[in-house]
Amino acid sequence: MAGLLPPLKSFSPAKDQQVIVVCDSAAITAGDISGVLSALNYLSSDRSTAMSAEGTVTLVFHGYNHDPRELYSIPEAQDVKKPHG
């Protein structure tokens, strides 16, 4: 097929497991994403765990299905990507 790029060596091979991390709109609105941060911190806690999780993590934003805006244009959803102290 013309136009397709060959796979890059840096891509991880397909894995049987998937890790779903859910960002709930209620937690986001309350400013408490500690559950999400805890999950992500665990998945990156050491090299072995991080390498096992590579290519398996999907971040899901729950509770915005009926909002007509794109996720990136919802201010409280944008706040999730900001550093939290």
Protein backbone atom coordinates (compact mmCIF):
# COMPACT_ATOMS: atom_id res chain seq x y z
CA MET A 1 0.00 0.00 0.00
CA ALA A 2 1.54 3.25 -1.09
CA GLY A 3 1.89 5.99 1.49
CA LEU A 4 2.19 3.76 4.55
CA LEU A 5 5.29 4.15 6.66
CA PRO A 6 7.21 1.07 7.73
CA PRO A 7 7.03 0.24 11.45
CA LEU A 8 9.67 1.92 13.56
CA LYS A 9 11.91 -0.13 15.79
CA SER A 10 10.96 2.09 18.74
CA PHE A 11 7.36 0.86 18.66
CA SER A 12 6.72 -1.86 21.19
CA PRO A 13 5.35 -5.19 20.01
CA ALA A 14 1.66 -5.90 20.47
CA LYS A 15 0.83 -7.00 24.00
CA ASP A 16 -2.02 -9.12 25.26
CA GLN A 17 -2.83 -6.90 28.22
CA GLN A 18 -4.41 -3.48 28.25
CA VAL A 19 -4.41 -1.06 31.18
CA ILE A 20 -7.30 1.37 31.30
CA VAL A 21 -6.89 4.41 33.55
CA VAL A 22 -10.14 6.35 33.99
CA CYS A 23 -10.30 10.09 34.63
CA ASP A 24 -13.80 10.67 35.96
CA SER A 25 -15.38 14.08 35.30
CA ALA A 26 -16.57 14.37 38.91
CA ALA A 27 -13.04 13.84 40.23
CA ILE A 28 -11.64 16.27 37.67
CA THR A 29 -14.22 18.93 38.59
CA ALA A 30 -13.44 18.39 42.29
CA GLY A 31 -9.74 18.80 41.48
CA ASP A 32 -8.93 15.36 42.86
CA ILE A 33 -7.16 13.22 40.30
CA SER A 34 -5.13 11.44 42.96
CA GLY A 35 -6.45 8.04 41.84
CA VAL A 36 -5.28 8.65 38.28
CA LEU A 37 -1.92 9.97 39.44
CA SER A 38 -1.51 7.00 41.77
CA ALA A 39 -2.13 4.56 38.91
CA LEU A 40 0.26 6.39 36.58
CA ASN A 41 2.92 6.69 39.29
CA TYR A 42 2.69 2.95 39.91
CA LEU A 43 2.99 2.19 36.20
CA SER A 44 6.16 4.29 36.04
CA SER A 45 7.53 3.36 39.47
CA ASP A 46 10.50 1.41 38.15
CA ARG A 47 12.02 0.44 34.82
CA SER A 48 10.58 -3.07 34.75
CA THR A 49 7.03 -1.95 35.49
CA ALA A 50 7.27 0.93 33.01
CA MET A 51 8.59 -1.34 30.26
CA SER A 52 5.81 -3.86 30.94
CA ALA A 53 3.20 -1.10 30.73
CA GLU A 54 4.64 0.48 27.58
CA GLY A 55 2.06 0.46 24.83
CA THR A 56 -0.70 -0.90 27.06
CA VAL A 57 -2.05 2.20 28.82
CA THR A 58 -5.19 3.97 27.65
CA LEU A 59 -6.32 7.11 29.47
CA VAL A 60 -10.11 7.39 29.36
CA PHE A 61 -12.03 10.54 30.25
CA HIS A 62 -15.42 9.46 31.65
CA GLY A 63 -18.42 11.74 31.99
CA TYR A 64 -17.95 14.01 28.99
CA ASN A 65 -19.96 12.01 26.43
CA HIS A 66 -22.82 14.49 26.33
CA ASP A 67 -20.62 17.58 26.18
CA PRO A 68 -20.57 18.80 22.57
CA ARG A 69 -17.07 20.29 22.93
CA GLU A 70 -13.93 18.41 22.01
CA LEU A 71 -12.14 17.14 25.11
CA TYR A 72 -9.15 19.41 24.53
CA SER A 73 -11.44 22.48 24.69
CA ILE A 74 -12.98 21.65 28.09
CA PRO A 75 -11.05 23.74 30.65
CA GLU A 76 -11.26 21.29 33.56
CA ALA A 77 -10.07 18.44 31.34
CA GLN A 78 -7.13 20.59 30.23
CA ASP A 79 -6.20 21.11 33.90
CA VAL A 80 -5.42 17.38 34.20
CA LYS A 81 -2.25 17.83 32.14
CA LYS A 82 -0.94 20.64 34.37
CA PRO A 83 1.59 19.75 37.07
CA HIS A 84 0.00 19.24 40.46
CA GLY A 85 2.00 19.87 43.59
